[in-house]
């Protein structure tokens, strides 16, 4: 079994956050007011936008990244890392008055995590900064955004995408209230269970709840809803019969960037014109590989290993 040979690299425009992740491994996650003696400390490049940009680049996308950093030591390290991945960084600007974003992460023995983010310069990625990348937005094969940057910037980005007939994937994380006018300009919405519950008020504890939530989001104007369900896979709903696309079984070490890898992989797959079900299958396999490794961007798999993993699971994708 072989996968088709790719002839072009899709143009992926990612607009979002970049952070430095400070991670502590711990036997369990602490409760309110609780102090736990943890284990090893790690420092990784992170931020949902940067994670998704790196994932897309490693999986074959020609990636441009719109972001904002502070004028500090973290900024230089961030830029060097992104450039080493072949990402076009010309739209990353510096805020001299703000610190670069930082995330404090605790990971337990089962690979589950809790995260607190100090946005820093991510919070100053305004529409005026986005304007510098407008041509790139209007010509990208796929646009990918999240919610670690100001909501008005995401709203404007979605408006431009619709006006330019560009496909926009919105990963609504971290969850916040989204206006219906934004949802109508989103091509694909990719919440996880908790985010879907926050957006709809529906308790998402399995496929039935996920379908109900997806139907609500579809009724608000989102043509494609993909609710990621962790090790259970992802529920795809496009107004017809839903599809539950399973994830391969792996032993999780760190789930920190699984959703980001899923979204980066989905953007590349759709940019290559894979069928939607195959694109989700491809994204599931990339995300599954990522949870077997520690870190955010460091966990993102390469294209060749993702395709090998697909084949080893007797999975095939069509273009």
C-alpha atoms as a PDB file:
ATOM      1  CA  UNK A   1       0.000   0.000   0.000  1.00  0.00           C
ATOM      2  CA  UNK A   2       1.429   3.390  -0.981  1.00  0.00           C
ATOM      3  CA  UNK A   3       0.274   6.956  -0.607  1.00  0.00           C
ATOM      4  CA  UNK A   4      -0.015   9.224  -3.669  1.00  0.00           C
ATOM      5  CA  UNK A   5       3.029  11.380  -4.415  1.00  0.00           C
ATOM      6  CA  UNK A   6       2.481  15.043  -3.601  1.00  0.00           C
ATOM      7  CA  UNK A   7       3.230  17.431  -6.465  1.00  0.00           C
ATOM      8  CA  UNK A   8       2.724  20.785  -4.705  1.00  0.00           C
ATOM      9  CA  UNK A   9       3.032  22.231  -1.211  1.00  0.00           C
ATOM     10  CA  UNK A  10      -0.155  23.958  -0.033  1.00  0.00           C
ATOM     11  CA  UNK A  11       0.133  27.547   1.175  1.00  0.00           C
ATOM     12  CA  UNK A  12      -0.922  27.709   4.843  1.00  0.00           C
ATOM     13  CA  UNK A  13      -1.364  31.056   6.615  1.00  0.00           C
ATOM     14  CA  UNK A  14      -1.396  30.703  10.410  1.00  0.00           C
ATOM     15  CA  UNK A  15      -2.427  33.661  12.545  1.00  0.00           C
ATOM     16  CA  UNK A  16      -1.999  33.228  16.268  1.00  0.00           C
ATOM     17  CA  UNK A  17       0.048  33.117  19.419  1.00  0.00           C
ATOM     18  CA  UNK A  18       3.605  32.232  20.207  1.00  0.00           C
ATOM     19  CA  UNK A  19       4.729  31.399  23.748  1.00  0.00           C
ATOM     20  CA  UNK A  20       7.567  29.880  25.687  1.00  0.00           C
ATOM     21  CA  UNK A  21       6.259  26.812  27.529  1.00  0.00           C
ATOM     22  CA  UNK A  22       7.679  26.056  30.964  1.00  0.00           C
ATOM     23  CA  UNK A  23       6.750  22.475  31.822  1.00  0.00           C
ATOM     24  CA  UNK A  24       6.953  20.487  35.059  1.00  0.00           C
ATOM     25  CA  UNK A  25       6.287  16.745  35.112  1.00  0.00           C
ATOM     26  CA  UNK A  26       4.283  15.718  38.189  1.00  0.00           C
ATOM     27  CA  UNK A  27       2.672  12.480  39.443  1.00  0.00           C
ATOM     28  CA  UNK A  28      -0.735  14.212  39.628  1.00  0.00           C
ATOM     29  CA  UNK A  29      -2.171  17.629  38.809  1.00  0.00           C
ATOM     30  CA  UNK A  30      -2.469  19.897  41.867  1.00  0.00           C
ATOM     31  CA  UNK A  31      -5.857  20.945  43.198  1.00  0.00           C
ATOM     32  CA  UNK A  32      -6.734  24.459  44.420  1.00  0.00           C
ATOM     33  CA  UNK A  33      -4.342  25.569  47.153  1.00  0.00           C
ATOM     34  CA  UNK A  34      -2.276  22.395  46.815  1.00  0.00           C
ATOM     35  CA  UNK A  35       1.498  22.226  46.407  1.00  0.00           C
ATOM     36  CA  UNK A  36       2.982  19.109  44.812  1.00  0.00           C
ATOM     37  CA  UNK A  37       6.612  18.126  44.542  1.00  0.00           C
ATOM     38  CA  UNK A  38       7.088  17.566  40.836  1.00  0.00           C
ATOM     39  CA  UNK A  39       9.862  16.088  38.753  1.00  0.00           C
ATOM     40  CA  UNK A  40      11.836  17.317  35.761  1.00  0.00           C
ATOM     41  CA  UNK A  41      11.554  20.860  34.398  1.00  0.00           C
ATOM     42  CA  UNK A  42      11.586  21.529  30.643  1.00  0.00           C
ATOM     43  CA  UNK A  43      11.382  24.687  28.540  1.00  0.00           C
ATOM     44  CA  UNK A  44       9.909  24.424  25.055  1.00  0.00           C
ATOM     45  CA  UNK A  45       8.745  26.702  22.259  1.00  0.00           C
ATOM     46  CA  UNK A  46       4.943  26.825  22.313  1.00  0.00           C
ATOM     47  CA  UNK A  47       1.823  28.897  21.778  1.00  0.00           C
ATOM     48  CA  UNK A  48      -1.143  27.499  19.875  1.00  0.00           C
ATOM     49  CA  UNK A  49      -0.414  29.508  16.746  1.00  0.00           C
ATOM     50  CA  UNK A  50       3.264  28.618  16.643  1.00  0.00           C
ATOM     51  CA  UNK A  51       2.532  24.976  17.453  1.00  0.00           C
ATOM     52  CA  UNK A  52       0.102  24.746  14.564  1.00  0.00           C
ATOM     53  CA  UNK A  53       2.505  26.527  12.220  1.00  0.00           C
ATOM     54  CA  UNK A  54       5.323  24.102  13.064  1.00  0.00           C
ATOM     55  CA  UNK A  55       3.031  21.089  12.727  1.00  0.00           C
ATOM     56  CA  UNK A  56       1.842  22.251   9.303  1.00  0.00           C
ATOM     57  CA  UNK A  57       5.412  22.938   8.143  1.00  0.00           C
ATOM     58  CA  UNK A  58       6.687  19.538   9.264  1.00  0.00           C
ATOM     59  CA  UNK A  59       3.792  17.825   7.507  1.00  0.00           C
ATOM     60  CA  UNK A  60       4.485  19.477   4.162  1.00  0.00           C
ATOM     61  CA  UNK A  61       2.818  22.885   4.215  1.00  0.00           C
ATOM     62  CA  UNK A  62       4.394  26.085   2.915  1.00  0.00           C
ATOM     63  CA  UNK A  63       3.662  28.088   6.049  1.00  0.00           C
ATOM     64  CA  UNK A  64       3.517  31.811   6.758  1.00  0.00           C
ATOM     65  CA  UNK A  65       2.959  32.911  10.343  1.00  0.00           C
ATOM     66  CA  UNK A  66       1.355  36.128  11.621  1.00  0.00           C
ATOM     67  CA  UNK A  67       2.231  36.742  15.267  1.00  0.00           C
ATOM     68  CA  UNK A  68       3.575  39.241  17.801  1.00  0.00           C
ATOM     69  CA  UNK A  69       6.397  38.897  20.314  1.00  0.00           C
ATOM     70  CA  UNK A  70       7.979  41.071  22.981  1.00  0.00           C
ATOM     71  CA  UNK A  71      11.420  42.606  22.779  1.00  0.00           C
ATOM     72  CA  UNK A  72      13.180  40.072  25.022  1.00  0.00           C
ATOM     73  CA  UNK A  73      15.302  36.949  25.089  1.00  0.00           C
ATOM     74  CA  UNK A  74      12.312  34.709  24.409  1.00  0.00           C
ATOM     75  CA  UNK A  75      11.595  36.534  21.136  1.00  0.00           C
ATOM     76  CA  UNK A  76      14.982  35.804  19.585  1.00  0.00           C
ATOM     77  CA  UNK A  77      14.744  32.160  20.567  1.00  0.00           C
ATOM     78  CA  UNK A  78      11.234  31.909  19.131  1.00  0.00           C
ATOM     79  CA  UNK A  79      12.166  33.417  15.758  1.00  0.00           C
ATOM     80  CA  UNK A  80      15.237  31.220  15.404  1.00  0.00           C
ATOM     81  CA  UNK A  81      13.163  28.117  16.084  1.00  0.00           C
ATOM     82  CA  UNK A  82      10.425  29.009  13.612  1.00  0.00           C
ATOM     83  CA  UNK A  83      12.906  29.903  10.888  1.00  0.00           C
ATOM     84  CA  UNK A  84      14.682  26.588  11.394  1.00  0.00           C
ATOM     85  CA  UNK A  85      11.372  24.904  10.498  1.00  0.00           C
ATOM     86  CA  UNK A  86      11.235  26.769   7.181  1.00  0.00           C
ATOM     87  CA  UNK A  87       8.379  29.041   8.270  1.00  0.00           C
ATOM     88  CA  UNK A  88       8.010  32.476   6.653  1.00  0.00           C
ATOM     89  CA  UNK A  89       8.360  34.864   9.608  1.00  0.00           C
ATOM     90  CA  UNK A  90       8.114  38.202   7.810  1.00  0.00           C
ATOM     91  CA  UNK A  91       4.707  38.887   9.436  1.00  0.00           C
ATOM     92  CA  UNK A  92       5.924  38.422  12.998  1.00  0.00           C
ATOM     93  CA  UNK A  93       6.239  41.847  14.619  1.00  0.00           C
ATOM     94  CA  UNK A  94       7.705  43.055  17.909  1.00  0.00           C
ATOM     95  CA  UNK A  95       5.955  44.992  20.662  1.00  0.00           C
ATOM     96  CA  UNK A  96       8.686  46.911  22.529  1.00  0.00           C
ATOM     97  CA  UNK A  97       6.393  47.512  25.526  1.00  0.00           C
ATOM     98  CA  UNK A  98       5.203  43.963  26.157  1.00  0.00           C
ATOM     99  CA  UNK A  99       6.816  40.699  27.227  1.00  0.00           C
ATOM    100  CA  UNK A 100       6.671  37.664  24.995  1.00  0.00           C
ATOM    101  CA  UNK A 101       3.959  35.155  25.866  1.00  0.00           C
ATOM    102  CA  UNK A 102       4.657  32.489  28.475  1.00  0.00           C
ATOM    103  CA  UNK A 103       2.736  29.326  29.406  1.00  0.00           C
ATOM    104  CA  UNK A 104       3.129  27.448  32.699  1.00  0.00           C
ATOM    105  CA  UNK A 105       2.280  23.766  32.207  1.00  0.00           C
ATOM    106  CA  UNK A 106       1.965  20.824  34.573  1.00  0.00           C
ATOM    107  CA  UNK A 107       1.856  17.311  33.053  1.00  0.00           C
ATOM    108  CA  UNK A 108       0.797  14.301  35.118  1.00  0.00           C
ATOM    109  CA  UNK A 109       1.821  10.647  34.896  1.00  0.00           C
ATOM    110  CA  UNK A 110      -1.020   9.862  32.443  1.00  0.00           C
ATOM    111  CA  UNK A 111       0.001  12.666  30.083  1.00  0.00           C
ATOM    112  CA  UNK A 112      -2.875  14.961  31.027  1.00  0.00           C
ATOM    113  CA  UNK A 113      -2.032  18.610  31.590  1.00  0.00           C
ATOM    114  CA  UNK A 114      -3.169  21.924  33.008  1.00  0.00           C
ATOM    115  CA  UNK A 115      -1.962  25.197  31.510  1.00  0.00           C
ATOM    116  CA  UNK A 116      -1.937  28.868  32.540  1.00  0.00           C
ATOM    117  CA  UNK A 117      -0.909  31.402  29.899  1.00  0.00           C
ATOM    118  CA  UNK A 118       0.428  34.958  30.297  1.00  0.00           C
ATOM    119  CA  UNK A 119      -0.339  36.327  26.803  1.00  0.00           C
ATOM    120  CA  UNK A 120       2.063  39.262  26.780  1.00  0.00           C
ATOM    121  CA  UNK A 121       2.578  40.561  23.245  1.00  0.00           C
ATOM    122  CA  UNK A 122       0.038  38.099  21.853  1.00  0.00           C
ATOM    123  CA  UNK A 123      -2.638  40.415  23.254  1.00  0.00           C
ATOM    124  CA  UNK A 124      -1.360  43.258  21.039  1.00  0.00           C
ATOM    125  CA  UNK A 125      -1.781  41.408  17.740  1.00  0.00           C
ATOM    126  CA  UNK A 126      -4.374  43.889  16.512  1.00  0.00           C
ATOM    127  CA  UNK A 127      -6.085  44.333  13.169  1.00  0.00           C
ATOM    128  CA  UNK A 128      -3.499  46.972  12.215  1.00  0.00           C
ATOM    129  CA  UNK A 129      -0.774  44.341  12.637  1.00  0.00           C
ATOM    130  CA  UNK A 130      -2.837  41.832  10.662  1.00  0.00           C
ATOM    131  CA  UNK A 131      -3.185  44.358   7.844  1.00  0.00           C
ATOM    132  CA  UNK A 132       0.509  43.898   7.028  1.00  0.00           C
ATOM    133  CA  UNK A 133      -0.253  40.337   5.984  1.00  0.00           C
ATOM    134  CA  UNK A 134      -3.480  41.000   4.094  1.00  0.00           C
ATOM    135  CA  UNK A 135      -2.141  39.882   0.709  1.00  0.00           C
ATOM    136  CA  UNK A 136      -0.922  36.619   2.236  1.00  0.00           C
ATOM    137  CA  UNK A 137      -4.343  36.093   3.819  1.00  0.00           C
ATOM    138  CA  UNK A 138      -6.119  36.649   0.523  1.00  0.00           C
ATOM    139  CA  UNK A 139      -3.909  34.205  -1.406  1.00  0.00           C
ATOM    140  CA  UNK A 140      -3.433  31.329   1.066  1.00  0.00           C
ATOM    141  CA  UNK A 141      -4.839  27.899   0.261  1.00  0.00           C
ATOM    142  CA  UNK A 142      -5.897  27.466   3.893  1.00  0.00           C
ATOM    143  CA  UNK A 143      -5.991  29.902   6.832  1.00  0.00           C
ATOM    144  CA  UNK A 144      -5.685  28.660  10.392  1.00  0.00           C
ATOM    145  CA  UNK A 145      -6.494  30.642  13.551  1.00  0.00           C
ATOM    146  CA  UNK A 146      -7.072  30.132  17.290  1.00  0.00           C
ATOM    147  CA  UNK A 147      -8.182  32.322  20.206  1.00  0.00           C
ATOM    148  CA  UNK A 148      -4.961  33.202  22.051  1.00  0.00           C
ATOM    149  CA  UNK A 149      -4.955  36.535  20.214  1.00  0.00           C
ATOM    150  CA  UNK A 150      -7.578  39.328  20.423  1.00  0.00           C
ATOM    151  CA  UNK A 151     -11.028  38.254  19.231  1.00  0.00           C
ATOM    152  CA  UNK A 152     -11.512  41.373  17.012  1.00  0.00           C
ATOM    153  CA  UNK A 153      -8.420  40.317  15.055  1.00  0.00           C
ATOM    154  CA  UNK A 154      -9.859  36.840  14.504  1.00  0.00           C
ATOM    155  CA  UNK A 155     -13.202  38.327  13.451  1.00  0.00           C
ATOM    156  CA  UNK A 156     -11.508  40.554  10.870  1.00  0.00           C
ATOM    157  CA  UNK A 157      -9.369  37.674   9.618  1.00  0.00           C
ATOM    158  CA  UNK A 158     -12.473  35.549   9.095  1.00  0.00           C
ATOM    159  CA  UNK A 159     -14.177  38.389   7.251  1.00  0.00           C
ATOM    160  CA  UNK A 160     -11.231  38.732   4.878  1.00  0.00           C
ATOM    161  CA  UNK A 161     -11.168  34.984   4.325  1.00  0.00           C
ATOM    162  CA  UNK A 162     -14.823  34.949   3.302  1.00  0.00           C
ATOM    163  CA  UNK A 163     -14.411  37.992   1.041  1.00  0.00           C
ATOM    164  CA  UNK A 164     -11.445  36.302  -0.667  1.00  0.00           C
ATOM    165  CA  UNK A 165     -13.136  32.894  -0.868  1.00  0.00           C
ATOM    166  CA  UNK A 166     -10.425  31.368   1.317  1.00  0.00           C
ATOM    167  CA  UNK A 167     -10.958  28.354   3.560  1.00  0.00           C
ATOM    168  CA  UNK A 168     -10.607  29.271   7.253  1.00  0.00           C
ATOM    169  CA  UNK A 169     -10.142  26.724  10.040  1.00  0.00           C
ATOM    170  CA  UNK A 170     -10.869  28.128  13.492  1.00  0.00           C
ATOM    171  CA  UNK A 171      -9.670  26.188  16.497  1.00  0.00           C
ATOM    172  CA  UNK A 172     -11.767  27.833  19.264  1.00  0.00           C
ATOM    173  CA  UNK A 173      -9.188  27.483  22.018  1.00  0.00           C
ATOM    174  CA  UNK A 174      -9.091  28.692  24.668  1.00  0.00           C
ATOM    175  CA  UNK A 175     -12.881  28.725  24.673  1.00  0.00           C
ATOM    176  CA  UNK A 176     -14.739  32.018  24.711  1.00  0.00           C
ATOM    177  CA  UNK A 177     -18.097  33.296  23.539  1.00  0.00           C
ATOM    178  CA  UNK A 178     -18.102  33.654  19.766  1.00  0.00           C
ATOM    179  CA  UNK A 179     -20.514  35.952  17.897  1.00  0.00           C
ATOM    180  CA  UNK A 180     -22.683  34.331  15.248  1.00  0.00           C
ATOM    181  CA  UNK A 181     -21.288  36.745  12.651  1.00  0.00           C
ATOM    182  CA  UNK A 182     -17.863  35.184  13.190  1.00  0.00           C
ATOM    183  CA  UNK A 183     -19.148  31.623  13.011  1.00  0.00           C
ATOM    184  CA  UNK A 184     -20.792  32.359   9.663  1.00  0.00           C
ATOM    185  CA  UNK A 185     -17.362  33.251   8.265  1.00  0.00           C
ATOM    186  CA  UNK A 186     -15.693  30.079   9.535  1.00  0.00           C
ATOM    187  CA  UNK A 187     -15.279  27.211   7.064  1.00  0.00           C
ATOM    188  CA  UNK A 188     -14.311  24.564   9.636  1.00  0.00           C
ATOM    189  CA  UNK A 189     -14.634  24.746  13.422  1.00  0.00           C
ATOM    190  CA  UNK A 190     -12.517  22.327  15.472  1.00  0.00           C
ATOM    191  CA  UNK A 191     -13.423  22.422  19.188  1.00  0.00           C
ATOM    192  CA  UNK A 192     -12.529  19.693  21.620  1.00  0.00           C
ATOM    193  CA  UNK A 193     -15.177  18.306  23.986  1.00  0.00           C
ATOM    194  CA  UNK A 194     -14.848  21.052  26.597  1.00  0.00           C
ATOM    195  CA  UNK A 195     -14.786  23.838  24.017  1.00  0.00           C
ATOM    196  CA  UNK A 196     -17.840  22.424  22.245  1.00  0.00           C
ATOM    197  CA  UNK A 197     -19.652  22.287  25.573  1.00  0.00           C
ATOM    198  CA  UNK A 198     -18.686  25.890  26.348  1.00  0.00           C
ATOM    199  CA  UNK A 199     -19.860  27.107  22.926  1.00  0.00           C
ATOM    200  CA  UNK A 200     -23.200  25.289  22.978  1.00  0.00           C
ATOM    201  CA  UNK A 201     -24.114  24.558  26.587  1.00  0.00           C
ATOM    202  CA  UNK A 202     -24.465  20.872  25.707  1.00  0.00           C
ATOM    203  CA  UNK A 203     -22.725  18.328  27.912  1.00  0.00           C
ATOM    204  CA  UNK A 204     -20.289  16.528  25.621  1.00  0.00           C
ATOM    205  CA  UNK A 205     -19.430  13.199  27.224  1.00  0.00           C
ATOM    206  CA  UNK A 206     -19.580  10.945  24.168  1.00  0.00           C
ATOM    207  CA  UNK A 207     -20.585  10.816  20.541  1.00  0.00           C
ATOM    208  CA  UNK A 208     -24.256  11.586  21.196  1.00  0.00           C
ATOM    209  CA  UNK A 209     -23.442  14.791  23.048  1.00  0.00           C
ATOM    210  CA  UNK A 210     -20.803  15.692  20.463  1.00  0.00           C
ATOM    211  CA  UNK A 211     -23.338  15.291  17.665  1.00  0.00           C
ATOM    212  CA  UNK A 212     -25.882  17.495  19.429  1.00  0.00           C
ATOM    213  CA  UNK A 213     -23.244  20.185  19.942  1.00  0.00           C
ATOM    214  CA  UNK A 214     -22.087  19.888  16.325  1.00  0.00           C
ATOM    215  CA  UNK A 215     -25.660  20.288  15.080  1.00  0.00           C
ATOM    216  CA  UNK A 216     -26.061  23.485  17.128  1.00  0.00           C
ATOM    217  CA  UNK A 217     -22.844  24.934  15.701  1.00  0.00           C
ATOM    218  CA  UNK A 218     -23.865  23.904  12.189  1.00  0.00           C
ATOM    219  CA  UNK A 219     -27.201  25.695  12.673  1.00  0.00           C
ATOM    220  CA  UNK A 220     -25.257  28.842  13.579  1.00  0.00           C
ATOM    221  CA  UNK A 221     -23.702  28.826  10.114  1.00  0.00           C
ATOM    222  CA  UNK A 222     -20.559  26.692  10.379  1.00  0.00           C
ATOM    223  CA  UNK A 223     -20.636  24.325   7.352  1.00  0.00           C
ATOM    224  CA  UNK A 224     -18.140  21.827   8.789  1.00  0.00           C
ATOM    225  CA  UNK A 225     -17.803  21.004  12.486  1.00  0.00           C
ATOM    226  CA  UNK A 226     -15.107  18.634  13.741  1.00  0.00           C
ATOM    227  CA  UNK A 227     -15.219  17.877  17.467  1.00  0.00           C
ATOM    228  CA  UNK A 228     -12.043  16.199  18.645  1.00  0.00           C
ATOM    229  CA  UNK A 229     -12.654  13.484  21.237  1.00  0.00           C
ATOM    230  CA  UNK A 230      -9.156  12.601  22.381  1.00  0.00           C
ATOM    231  CA  UNK A 231      -8.378   8.903  22.166  1.00  0.00           C
ATOM    232  CA  UNK A 232     -11.880   8.272  20.760  1.00  0.00           C
ATOM    233  CA  UNK A 233     -11.002  10.186  17.575  1.00  0.00           C
ATOM    234  CA  UNK A 234     -13.078  12.966  16.038  1.00  0.00           C
ATOM    235  CA  UNK A 235     -16.722  13.518  15.112  1.00  0.00           C
ATOM    236  CA  UNK A 236     -17.225  15.096  11.683  1.00  0.00           C
ATOM    237  CA  UNK A 237     -20.545  16.768  10.923  1.00  0.00           C
ATOM    238  CA  UNK A 238     -21.449  18.608   7.709  1.00  0.00           C
ATOM    239  CA  UNK A 239     -25.233  18.635   7.951  1.00  0.00           C
ATOM    240  CA  UNK A 240     -25.689  15.066   6.789  1.00  0.00           C
ATOM    241  CA  UNK A 241     -24.901  11.732   8.407  1.00  0.00           C
ATOM    242  CA  UNK A 242     -22.165  12.292  11.018  1.00  0.00           C
ATOM    243  CA  UNK A 243     -18.893  10.381  10.839  1.00  0.00           C
ATOM    244  CA  UNK A 244     -16.967   9.198  13.873  1.00  0.00           C
ATOM    245  CA  UNK A 245     -13.375   8.850  12.715  1.00  0.00           C
ATOM    246  CA  UNK A 246     -11.379   6.801  15.231  1.00  0.00           C
ATOM    247  CA  UNK A 247      -7.872   7.611  16.435  1.00  0.00           C
ATOM    248  CA  UNK A 248      -5.131   4.967  16.487  1.00  0.00           C
ATOM    249  CA  UNK A 249      -4.221   3.532  19.863  1.00  0.00           C
ATOM    250  CA  UNK A 250      -1.023   4.829  21.428  1.00  0.00           C
ATOM    251  CA  UNK A 251       0.448   5.229  24.901  1.00  0.00           C
ATOM    252  CA  UNK A 252       0.186   8.919  25.776  1.00  0.00           C
ATOM    253  CA  UNK A 253       3.087  10.681  27.447  1.00  0.00           C
ATOM    254  CA  UNK A 254       2.075  14.329  26.978  1.00  0.00           C
ATOM    255  CA  UNK A 255      -1.130  15.634  25.362  1.00  0.00           C
ATOM    256  CA  UNK A 256      -0.051  19.298  25.469  1.00  0.00           C
ATOM    257  CA  UNK A 257      -0.100  20.042  21.723  1.00  0.00           C
ATOM    258  CA  UNK A 258      -2.254  17.216  20.378  1.00  0.00           C
ATOM    259  CA  UNK A 259      -5.017  19.586  19.284  1.00  0.00           C
ATOM    260  CA  UNK A 260      -2.520  21.918  17.640  1.00  0.00           C
ATOM    261  CA  UNK A 261      -0.939  19.082  15.680  1.00  0.00           C
ATOM    262  CA  UNK A 262      -4.409  17.919  14.644  1.00  0.00           C
ATOM    263  CA  UNK A 263      -5.242  21.372  13.286  1.00  0.00           C
ATOM    264  CA  UNK A 264      -1.925  21.852  11.509  1.00  0.00           C
ATOM    265  CA  UNK A 265      -2.279  18.438   9.903  1.00  0.00           C
ATOM    266  CA  UNK A 266      -5.884  19.124   8.913  1.00  0.00           C
ATOM    267  CA  UNK A 267      -4.865  22.382   7.216  1.00  0.00           C
ATOM    268  CA  UNK A 268      -2.181  20.644   5.169  1.00  0.00           C
ATOM    269  CA  UNK A 269      -4.433  17.746   4.202  1.00  0.00           C
ATOM    270  CA  UNK A 270      -7.203  20.065   3.034  1.00  0.00           C
ATOM    271  CA  UNK A 271      -4.684  22.249   1.221  1.00  0.00           C
ATOM    272  CA  UNK A 272      -3.707  19.111  -0.684  1.00  0.00           C
ATOM    273  CA  UNK A 273      -7.383  18.522  -1.537  1.00  0.00           C
ATOM    274  CA  UNK A 274      -7.801  15.351   0.495  1.00  0.00           C
ATOM    275  CA  UNK A 275     -11.383  14.326   1.082  1.00  0.00           C
ATOM    276  CA  UNK A 276     -12.663  15.624   4.395  1.00  0.00           C
ATOM    277  CA  UNK A 277     -12.887  12.199   6.041  1.00  0.00           C
ATOM    278  CA  UNK A 278      -9.362  11.354   4.910  1.00  0.00           C
ATOM    279  CA  UNK A 279      -8.083  14.735   6.091  1.00  0.00           C
ATOM    280  CA  UNK A 280      -9.472  14.033   9.567  1.00  0.00           C
ATOM    281  CA  UNK A 281      -7.968  10.536   9.518  1.00  0.00           C
ATOM    282  CA  UNK A 282      -4.578  12.011   8.587  1.00  0.00           C
ATOM    283  CA  UNK A 283      -4.898  14.607  11.365  1.00  0.00           C
ATOM    284  CA  UNK A 284      -5.877  11.918  13.909  1.00  0.00           C
ATOM    285  CA  UNK A 285      -2.730   9.951  13.134  1.00  0.00           C
ATOM    286  CA  UNK A 286      -0.465  13.004  13.351  1.00  0.00           C
ATOM    287  CA  UNK A 287      -2.010  13.982  16.696  1.00  0.00           C
ATOM    288  CA  UNK A 288      -1.689  10.436  18.023  1.00  0.00           C
ATOM    289  CA  UNK A 289       2.016  10.430  17.228  1.00  0.00           C
ATOM    290  CA  UNK A 290       2.443  13.750  19.015  1.00  0.00           C
ATOM    291  CA  UNK A 291       1.103  12.517  22.365  1.00  0.00           C
ATOM    292  CA  UNK A 292       3.810   9.863  22.508  1.00  0.00           C
ATOM    293  CA  UNK A 293       6.403  12.649  22.938  1.00  0.00           C
ATOM    294  CA  UNK A 294       7.042  15.385  25.458  1.00  0.00           C
ATOM    295  CA  UNK A 295       6.640  19.044  24.548  1.00  0.00           C
ATOM    296  CA  UNK A 296       4.607  21.140  22.153  1.00  0.00           C
ATOM    297  CA  UNK A 297       6.429  21.911  18.907  1.00  0.00           C
ATOM    298  CA  UNK A 298       8.990  19.198  19.629  1.00  0.00           C
ATOM    299  CA  UNK A 299       6.213  16.608  19.526  1.00  0.00           C
ATOM    300  CA  UNK A 300       4.966  17.475  16.031  1.00  0.00           C
ATOM    301  CA  UNK A 301       5.703  14.564  13.658  1.00  0.00           C
ATOM    302  CA  UNK A 302       7.282  14.745  10.217  1.00  0.00           C
ATOM    303  CA  UNK A 303       5.354  13.895   7.053  1.00  0.00           C
ATOM    304  CA  UNK A 304       7.169  10.649   6.329  1.00  0.00           C
ATOM    305  CA  UNK A 305       6.635   9.211   9.802  1.00  0.00           C
ATOM    306  CA  UNK A 306       2.960  10.218   9.763  1.00  0.00           C
ATOM    307  CA  UNK A 307       2.425   8.464   6.446  1.00  0.00           C
ATOM    308  CA  UNK A 308       4.293   5.397   7.720  1.00  0.00           C
ATOM    309  CA  UNK A 309       2.078   5.399  10.813  1.00  0.00           C
ATOM    310  CA  UNK A 310      -1.022   5.566   8.617  1.00  0.00           C
ATOM    311  CA  UNK A 311       0.170   2.618   6.595  1.00  0.00           C
ATOM    312  CA  UNK A 312       1.130   0.613   9.671  1.00  0.00           C
ATOM    313  CA  UNK A 313      -2.460   1.004  10.907  1.00  0.00           C
ATOM    314  CA  UNK A 314      -3.740  -0.207   7.531  1.00  0.00           C
ATOM    315  CA  UNK A 315      -5.184   3.235   6.882  1.00  0.00           C
ATOM    316  CA  UNK A 316      -5.234   4.924   3.503  1.00  0.00           C
ATOM    317  CA  UNK A 317      -6.072   8.409   2.325  1.00  0.00           C
ATOM    318  CA  UNK A 318      -7.271   9.436  -1.108  1.00  0.00           C
ATOM    319  CA  UNK A 319      -6.775  12.603  -3.095  1.00  0.00           C
END
